[in-house]
């Protein structure tokens, strides 16, 4: 009977030590979570003023691609961007939108953010 009581006391002592260790771990995790939240808030405040880039304006020279400034020649076809900027772009700088025509990469990425 005494041996059973002694074993029960030992189990309770180890259980208490384990519980104290788990409580300390929980406290450390809560502190780390608060640190990460503060870092996130600081980064959010820094990035709040950053604007997304708009498509560059159409160049004045209609013989050049609006993105890479490549000359349009016999083998380099000119496409009108069918989206926001209405610029003239080459095949390399454009994306096929199916029956909607082609659009420049910048307009496509703004329209389809998952494509980036």
N, C-alpha and C. Protein backbone atom coordinates (compact mmCIF):
# COMPACT_ATOMS: atom_id res chain seq x y z
N UNK A 1 0.83 -1.20 0.00
CA UNK A 1 0.00 0.00 0.00
C UNK A 1 0.87 1.27 0.00
N UNK A 2 1.95 1.23 0.79
CA UNK A 2 2.85 2.38 0.84
C UNK A 2 3.55 2.57 -0.50
N UNK A 3 3.89 1.47 -1.12
CA UNK A 3 4.56 1.55 -2.42
C UNK A 3 3.61 2.16 -3.46
N UNK A 4 2.35 1.79 -3.42
CA UNK A 4 1.37 2.34 -4.35
C UNK A 4 1.19 3.85 -4.12
N UNK A 5 1.18 4.26 -2.83
CA UNK A 5 1.07 5.69 -2.52
C UNK A 5 2.30 6.45 -3.01
N UNK A 6 3.47 5.86 -2.82
CA UNK A 6 4.71 6.50 -3.25
C UNK A 6 4.73 6.65 -4.77
N UNK A 7 4.31 5.63 -5.49
CA UNK A 7 4.25 5.68 -6.95
C UNK A 7 3.23 6.73 -7.42
N UNK A 8 2.11 6.82 -6.70
CA UNK A 8 1.10 7.82 -7.04
C UNK A 8 1.64 9.23 -6.82
N UNK A 9 2.37 9.44 -5.74
CA UNK A 9 2.97 10.75 -5.48
C UNK A 9 4.02 11.09 -6.53
N UNK A 10 4.81 10.11 -6.95
CA UNK A 10 5.81 10.34 -7.99
C UNK A 10 5.14 10.70 -9.32
N UNK A 11 4.07 9.98 -9.66
CA UNK A 11 3.33 10.28 -10.90
C UNK A 11 2.75 11.68 -10.85
N UNK A 12 2.21 12.06 -9.69
CA UNK A 12 1.63 13.39 -9.55
C UNK A 12 2.71 14.46 -9.65
N UNK A 13 3.90 14.20 -9.09
CA UNK A 13 5.00 15.16 -9.17
C UNK A 13 5.46 15.33 -10.62
N UNK A 14 5.59 14.22 -11.34
CA UNK A 14 6.01 14.31 -12.75
C UNK A 14 4.92 15.01 -13.58
N UNK A 15 3.66 14.72 -13.27
CA UNK A 15 2.56 15.37 -13.98
C UNK A 15 2.57 16.87 -13.71
N UNK A 16 2.83 17.26 -12.46
CA UNK A 16 2.90 18.69 -12.12
C UNK A 16 4.06 19.38 -12.84
N UNK A 17 5.22 18.69 -12.91
CA UNK A 17 6.37 19.26 -13.62
C UNK A 17 6.06 19.40 -15.11
N UNK A 18 5.41 18.39 -15.69
CA UNK A 18 5.03 18.44 -17.12
C UNK A 18 4.04 19.57 -17.37
N UNK A 19 3.09 19.74 -16.47
CA UNK A 19 2.10 20.80 -16.61
C UNK A 19 2.77 22.17 -16.51
N UNK A 20 3.72 22.33 -15.61
CA UNK A 20 4.44 23.59 -15.47
C UNK A 20 5.25 23.87 -16.74
N UNK A 21 5.87 22.85 -17.30
CA UNK A 21 6.64 23.01 -18.53
C UNK A 21 5.74 23.42 -19.69
N UNK A 22 4.56 22.82 -19.78
CA UNK A 22 3.61 23.16 -20.85
C UNK A 22 3.08 24.58 -20.69
N UNK A 23 2.84 25.00 -19.45
CA UNK A 23 2.38 26.38 -19.22
C UNK A 23 3.46 27.39 -19.62
N UNK A 24 4.71 27.06 -19.32
CA UNK A 24 5.81 27.93 -19.73
C UNK A 24 5.92 28.00 -21.25
N UNK A 25 5.74 26.87 -21.91
CA UNK A 25 5.76 26.82 -23.37
C UNK A 25 4.63 27.66 -23.96
N UNK A 26 3.45 27.57 -23.38
CA UNK A 26 2.31 28.36 -23.85
C UNK A 26 2.59 29.84 -23.66
N UNK A 27 3.16 30.22 -22.53
CA UNK A 27 3.49 31.62 -22.28
C UNK A 27 4.50 32.13 -23.30
N UNK A 28 5.54 31.32 -23.60
CA UNK A 28 6.53 31.70 -24.61
C UNK A 28 5.90 31.85 -26.00
N UNK A 29 4.99 30.95 -26.32
CA UNK A 29 4.32 31.02 -27.62
C UNK A 29 3.46 32.27 -27.72
N UNK A 30 2.77 32.64 -26.65
CA UNK A 30 1.96 33.86 -26.66
C UNK A 30 2.84 35.10 -26.84
N UNK A 31 3.99 35.12 -26.17
CA UNK A 31 4.91 36.24 -26.31
C UNK A 31 5.42 36.35 -27.75
N UNK A 32 5.77 35.21 -28.34
CA UNK A 32 6.26 35.21 -29.73
C UNK A 32 5.16 35.65 -30.69
N UNK A 33 3.93 35.23 -30.44
CA UNK A 33 2.80 35.64 -31.28
C UNK A 33 2.61 37.16 -31.22
N UNK A 34 2.72 37.73 -30.03
CA UNK A 34 2.61 39.19 -29.90
C UNK A 34 3.74 39.91 -30.64
N UNK A 35 4.96 39.36 -30.58
CA UNK A 35 6.08 39.95 -31.31
C UNK A 35 5.81 39.92 -32.81
N UNK A 36 5.33 38.79 -33.30
CA UNK A 36 5.04 38.66 -34.73
C UNK A 36 3.92 39.60 -35.16
N UNK A 37 2.91 39.78 -34.33
CA UNK A 37 1.83 40.71 -34.65
C UNK A 37 2.35 42.15 -34.72
N UNK A 38 3.24 42.50 -33.79
CA UNK A 38 3.82 43.85 -33.83
C UNK A 38 4.65 44.05 -35.09
N UNK A 39 5.44 43.03 -35.48
CA UNK A 39 6.23 43.11 -36.71
C UNK A 39 5.32 43.25 -37.93
N UNK A 40 4.25 42.48 -37.96
CA UNK A 40 3.30 42.54 -39.08
C UNK A 40 2.69 43.92 -39.18
N UNK A 41 2.29 44.48 -38.04
CA UNK A 41 1.70 45.82 -38.04
C UNK A 41 2.70 46.87 -38.54
N UNK A 42 3.96 46.73 -38.12
CA UNK A 42 4.98 47.68 -38.57
C UNK A 42 5.19 47.56 -40.08
N UNK A 43 5.25 46.35 -40.59
CA UNK A 43 5.41 46.15 -42.04
C UNK A 43 4.19 46.64 -42.79
N UNK A 44 3.02 46.44 -42.25
CA UNK A 44 1.78 46.90 -42.90
C UNK A 44 1.80 48.42 -43.01
N UNK A 45 2.23 49.10 -41.95
CA UNK A 45 2.28 50.56 -41.99
C UNK A 45 3.30 51.05 -43.00
N UNK A 46 4.41 50.32 -43.16
CA UNK A 46 5.42 50.72 -44.14
C UNK A 46 4.90 50.56 -45.56
N UNK A 47 4.19 49.46 -45.82
CA UNK A 47 3.73 49.18 -47.18
C UNK A 47 2.41 49.85 -47.52
N UNK A 48 1.77 50.47 -46.56
CA UNK A 48 0.47 51.09 -46.81
C UNK A 48 0.56 52.20 -47.85
N UNK A 49 1.68 52.91 -47.89
CA UNK A 49 1.82 54.02 -48.82
C UNK A 49 2.31 53.62 -50.20
N UNK A 50 2.64 52.34 -50.42
CA UNK A 50 3.16 51.90 -51.72
C UNK A 50 2.00 51.69 -52.67
N UNK A 51 2.08 52.30 -53.85
CA UNK A 51 1.04 52.16 -54.87
C UNK A 51 1.46 51.11 -55.89
N UNK A 52 0.48 50.48 -56.52
CA UNK A 52 0.78 49.54 -57.59
C UNK A 52 1.11 50.32 -58.85
N UNK A 53 2.09 49.85 -59.62
CA UNK A 53 2.48 50.60 -60.82
C UNK A 53 1.39 50.52 -61.89
N UNK A 54 1.13 51.64 -62.50
CA UNK A 54 0.19 51.70 -63.61
C UNK A 54 0.94 51.40 -64.90
N UNK A 55 0.24 50.99 -65.95
CA UNK A 55 0.93 50.77 -67.21
C UNK A 55 1.60 52.05 -67.67
N UNK A 56 2.78 51.87 -68.29
CA UNK A 56 3.51 53.04 -68.76
C UNK A 56 2.74 53.70 -69.90
N UNK A 57 2.88 55.00 -70.03
CA UNK A 57 2.14 55.68 -71.10
C UNK A 57 2.61 55.22 -72.48
N UNK A 58 1.74 55.35 -73.43
CA UNK A 58 2.03 54.94 -74.79
C UNK A 58 3.09 55.87 -75.36
N UNK A 59 4.15 55.32 -75.95
CA UNK A 59 5.19 56.19 -76.51
C UNK A 59 4.65 56.96 -77.71
N UNK A 60 5.24 58.10 -77.97
CA UNK A 60 4.81 58.95 -79.07
C UNK A 60 5.11 58.32 -80.42
N UNK A 61 6.20 57.58 -80.51
CA UNK A 61 6.59 56.96 -81.78
C UNK A 61 5.77 55.69 -81.98
N UNK A 62 4.84 55.70 -82.93
CA UNK A 62 3.97 54.55 -83.17
C UNK A 62 4.70 53.40 -83.85
N UNK A 63 5.93 53.58 -84.24
CA UNK A 63 6.70 52.52 -84.88
C UNK A 63 7.46 51.66 -83.90
N UNK A 64 7.27 51.90 -82.59
CA UNK A 64 7.98 51.14 -81.57
C UNK A 64 6.99 50.45 -80.64
N UNK A 65 7.41 49.31 -80.10
CA UNK A 65 6.62 48.59 -79.09
C UNK A 65 6.57 49.43 -77.82
N UNK A 66 5.41 49.52 -77.19
CA UNK A 66 5.25 50.33 -75.99
C UNK A 66 6.04 49.77 -74.81
N UNK A 67 6.39 48.49 -74.80
CA UNK A 67 7.09 47.87 -73.67
C UNK A 67 8.59 47.71 -73.91
N UNK A 68 8.97 47.09 -75.04
CA UNK A 68 10.40 46.79 -75.25
C UNK A 68 11.03 47.75 -76.25
N UNK A 69 10.25 48.63 -76.85
CA UNK A 69 10.72 49.64 -77.81
C UNK A 69 11.36 49.02 -79.05
N UNK A 70 10.90 47.83 -79.43
CA UNK A 70 11.37 47.16 -80.63
C UNK A 70 10.66 47.77 -81.84
N UNK A 71 11.39 47.92 -82.95
CA UNK A 71 10.80 48.45 -84.18
C UNK A 71 9.84 47.44 -84.78
N UNK A 72 8.69 47.94 -85.26
CA UNK A 72 7.76 47.09 -85.98
C UNK A 72 8.22 47.03 -87.43
N UNK A 73 8.44 45.83 -87.91
CA UNK A 73 8.90 45.63 -89.27
C UNK A 73 7.98 44.62 -89.95
N UNK A 74 8.45 44.08 -91.02
CA UNK A 74 7.67 43.12 -91.77
C UNK A 74 7.39 41.86 -90.95
N UNK A 75 8.37 41.40 -90.18
CA UNK A 75 8.21 40.16 -89.42
C UNK A 75 7.78 40.38 -87.97
N UNK A 76 7.76 41.61 -87.50
CA UNK A 76 7.31 41.86 -86.12
C UNK A 76 5.98 42.60 -86.17
N UNK A 77 4.94 41.89 -85.90
CA UNK A 77 3.59 42.43 -86.01
C UNK A 77 3.25 43.35 -84.84
N UNK A 78 2.45 44.34 -85.10
CA UNK A 78 2.00 45.31 -84.11
C UNK A 78 0.60 44.88 -83.62
N UNK A 79 0.42 44.81 -82.31
CA UNK A 79 -0.88 44.49 -81.71
C UNK A 79 -1.34 45.66 -80.87
N UNK A 80 -2.61 45.96 -80.90
CA UNK A 80 -3.18 46.98 -80.02
C UNK A 80 -3.58 46.31 -78.72
N UNK A 81 -3.15 46.88 -77.59
CA UNK A 81 -3.55 46.34 -76.29
C UNK A 81 -5.05 46.56 -76.14
N UNK A 82 -5.77 45.48 -75.88
CA UNK A 82 -7.24 45.57 -75.80
C UNK A 82 -7.72 45.88 -74.39
N UNK A 83 -6.84 46.26 -73.52
CA UNK A 83 -7.21 46.56 -72.13
C UNK A 83 -7.08 48.05 -71.85
N UNK A 84 -6.46 48.39 -70.74
CA UNK A 84 -6.44 49.76 -70.24
C UNK A 84 -5.60 50.73 -71.07
N UNK A 85 -4.36 50.34 -71.41
CA UNK A 85 -3.43 51.33 -71.95
C UNK A 85 -3.62 51.60 -73.44
N UNK A 86 -4.22 50.71 -74.20
CA UNK A 86 -4.42 50.87 -75.64
C UNK A 86 -3.12 51.09 -76.39
N UNK A 87 -2.00 50.62 -75.84
CA UNK A 87 -0.71 50.79 -76.49
C UNK A 87 -0.49 49.80 -77.61
N UNK A 88 0.52 50.06 -78.42
CA UNK A 88 0.92 49.17 -79.50
C UNK A 88 2.05 48.30 -78.96
N UNK A 89 1.85 46.97 -78.99
CA UNK A 89 2.85 46.05 -78.44
C UNK A 89 3.18 44.97 -79.46
N UNK A 90 4.39 44.40 -79.33
CA UNK A 90 4.81 43.31 -80.21
C UNK A 90 4.29 41.98 -79.67
N UNK A 91 4.52 40.92 -80.42
CA UNK A 91 4.04 39.60 -80.04
C UNK A 91 4.66 39.15 -78.71
N UNK A 92 5.94 39.42 -78.50
CA UNK A 92 6.63 39.00 -77.28
C UNK A 92 6.08 39.70 -76.05
N UNK A 93 5.68 40.95 -76.17
CA UNK A 93 5.21 41.73 -75.03
C UNK A 93 3.70 41.67 -74.84
N UNK A 94 3.04 40.75 -75.53
CA UNK A 94 1.59 40.67 -75.43
C UNK A 94 1.15 39.26 -75.05
N UNK A 95 -0.10 39.15 -74.58
CA UNK A 95 -0.69 37.88 -74.17
C UNK A 95 -1.96 37.68 -74.96
N UNK A 96 -2.16 36.48 -75.47
CA UNK A 96 -3.35 36.17 -76.25
C UNK A 96 -4.53 36.01 -75.30
N UNK A 97 -5.57 36.81 -75.50
CA UNK A 97 -6.76 36.76 -74.65
C UNK A 97 -7.90 36.04 -75.36
N UNK A 98 -7.59 35.24 -76.37
CA UNK A 98 -8.60 34.50 -77.10
C UNK A 98 -9.39 35.42 -78.02
N UNK A 99 -10.71 35.33 -77.95
CA UNK A 99 -11.55 36.14 -78.84
C UNK A 99 -11.52 37.62 -78.49
N UNK A 100 -10.94 37.98 -77.33
CA UNK A 100 -10.84 39.38 -76.92
C UNK A 100 -9.61 40.06 -77.49
N UNK A 101 -8.81 39.35 -78.26
CA UNK A 101 -7.60 39.92 -78.85
C UNK A 101 -6.39 39.69 -77.98
N UNK A 102 -5.44 40.61 -78.07
CA UNK A 102 -4.21 40.52 -77.29
C UNK A 102 -4.10 41.75 -76.40
N UNK A 103 -3.41 41.59 -75.28
CA UNK A 103 -3.16 42.75 -74.42
C UNK A 103 -1.72 42.69 -73.95
N UNK A 104 -1.21 43.83 -73.49
CA UNK A 104 0.18 43.87 -73.03
C UNK A 104 0.30 43.11 -71.71
N UNK A 105 1.52 42.73 -71.37
CA UNK A 105 1.77 41.94 -70.16
C UNK A 105 1.37 42.68 -68.89
N UNK A 106 1.60 43.99 -68.83
CA UNK A 106 1.29 44.76 -67.62
C UNK A 106 -0.21 44.77 -67.37
N UNK A 107 -0.99 45.03 -68.42
CA UNK A 107 -2.45 45.05 -68.26
C UNK A 107 -2.96 43.66 -67.90
N UNK A 108 -2.37 42.62 -68.50
CA UNK A 108 -2.79 41.25 -68.21
C UNK A 108 -2.50 40.91 -66.75
N UNK A 109 -1.33 41.30 -66.24
CA UNK A 109 -0.97 41.00 -64.85
C UNK A 109 -1.84 41.77 -63.88
N UNK A 110 -2.25 42.98 -64.23
CA UNK A 110 -3.15 43.72 -63.35
C UNK A 110 -4.54 43.11 -63.36
N UNK A 111 -4.94 42.58 -64.48
CA UNK A 111 -6.28 41.98 -64.60
C UNK A 111 -6.31 40.59 -63.99
N UNK A 112 -5.20 39.85 -64.10
CA UNK A 112 -5.10 38.47 -63.63
C UNK A 112 -3.96 38.38 -62.61
N UNK A 113 -4.14 38.81 -61.35
CA UNK A 113 -3.03 38.83 -60.40
C UNK A 113 -2.45 37.44 -60.12
N UNK A 114 -3.22 36.37 -60.26
CA UNK A 114 -2.69 35.04 -60.00
C UNK A 114 -1.72 34.60 -61.08
N UNK A 115 -1.67 35.30 -62.23
CA UNK A 115 -0.78 34.93 -63.31
C UNK A 115 0.64 35.37 -63.05
N UNK A 116 0.89 36.24 -62.07
CA UNK A 116 2.24 36.74 -61.81
C UNK A 116 3.02 35.79 -60.98
